[in-house]
């Protein structure tokens, strides 16, 4: 039985059956099936890759927020 996490029309992960040390993992974004060519994942490596991606994404979001805040400040008029 497969478990779908989130909404396929936005972003979702569908985790399915085991096959030895591999597990079926399907990813969806904006209604498009992204893992149509290869959807078997070695679970331990996949878990580490997802964790690494989440850490990098969090850092990128922080950087964008800092840059966004800096752009909203009033420009220096140089008096």
Protein backbone atom coordinates (compact mmCIF):
# COMPACT_ATOMS: atom_id res chain seq x y z
CA UNK A 1 0.00 0.00 0.00
CA UNK A 2 1.39 3.41 -0.98
CA UNK A 3 1.29 6.44 1.31
CA UNK A 4 1.02 9.89 -0.28
CA UNK A 5 2.39 12.84 1.70
CA UNK A 6 1.07 16.27 0.66
CA UNK A 7 -0.77 17.28 -2.52
CA UNK A 8 0.29 16.04 -5.97
CA UNK A 9 -0.94 19.24 -7.62
CA UNK A 10 1.66 21.21 -5.60
CA UNK A 11 4.38 18.90 -4.25
CA UNK A 12 4.08 15.36 -2.90
CA UNK A 13 6.02 12.22 -2.12
CA UNK A 14 4.42 8.80 -2.52
CA UNK A 15 6.15 5.96 -0.68
CA UNK A 16 5.30 2.45 -1.76
CA UNK A 17 6.34 -1.16 -1.46
CA UNK A 18 9.72 -2.62 -0.48
CA UNK A 19 11.83 -4.64 -2.90
CA UNK A 20 14.78 -6.03 -0.89
CA UNK A 21 16.71 -2.96 0.41
CA UNK A 22 14.97 -0.64 -2.06
CA UNK A 23 11.65 1.13 -1.72
CA UNK A 24 9.45 2.71 -4.38
CA UNK A 25 9.39 6.50 -3.97
CA UNK A 26 7.50 8.73 -6.40
CA UNK A 27 7.83 12.51 -6.36
CA UNK A 28 5.24 14.88 -7.79
CA UNK A 29 5.44 18.64 -8.44
CA UNK A 30 2.75 20.82 -10.00
CA UNK A 31 0.84 17.70 -11.03
CA UNK A 32 3.83 16.22 -12.89
CA UNK A 33 5.29 12.84 -11.98
CA UNK A 34 9.03 13.51 -11.58
CA UNK A 35 10.33 9.99 -10.93
CA UNK A 36 8.95 8.22 -14.00
CA UNK A 37 12.39 6.93 -15.11
CA UNK A 38 13.69 5.63 -11.77
CA UNK A 39 11.53 5.48 -8.67
CA UNK A 40 13.43 2.89 -6.59
CA UNK A 41 15.45 4.33 -3.70
CA UNK A 42 17.96 2.80 -1.31
CA UNK A 43 16.26 4.06 1.85
CA UNK A 44 19.31 5.00 3.95
CA UNK A 45 20.95 7.01 1.15
CA UNK A 46 17.64 8.60 0.14
CA UNK A 47 16.98 9.69 3.73
CA UNK A 48 20.41 11.34 3.97
CA UNK A 49 19.98 13.05 0.59
CA UNK A 50 16.58 14.46 1.59
CA UNK A 51 18.00 15.67 4.92
CA UNK A 52 20.95 17.36 3.15
CA UNK A 53 18.57 19.01 0.66
CA UNK A 54 16.38 20.30 3.49
CA UNK A 55 19.39 21.80 5.29
CA UNK A 56 20.61 23.52 2.11
CA UNK A 57 17.12 24.77 1.28
CA UNK A 58 16.72 26.23 4.77
CA UNK A 59 20.03 28.11 4.40
CA UNK A 60 18.99 29.44 0.98
CA UNK A 61 15.65 30.67 2.34
CA UNK A 62 17.42 32.45 5.20
CA UNK A 63 19.78 34.16 2.74
CA UNK A 64 16.88 35.28 0.55
CA UNK A 65 15.03 36.67 3.55
CA UNK A 66 18.10 38.64 4.65
CA UNK A 67 18.52 40.03 1.13
CA UNK A 68 14.81 40.87 0.93
CA UNK A 69 14.96 42.77 4.23
CA UNK A 70 18.05 44.69 3.10
CA UNK A 71 16.31 45.81 -0.11
CA UNK A 72 13.40 47.31 1.82
CA UNK A 73 15.59 49.74 3.74
CA UNK A 74 15.69 53.34 2.63
CA UNK A 75 18.61 54.09 0.30
CA UNK A 76 21.53 56.09 1.70
CA UNK A 77 21.22 59.68 0.53
CA UNK A 78 24.78 60.66 1.41
CA UNK A 79 24.50 63.96 3.23
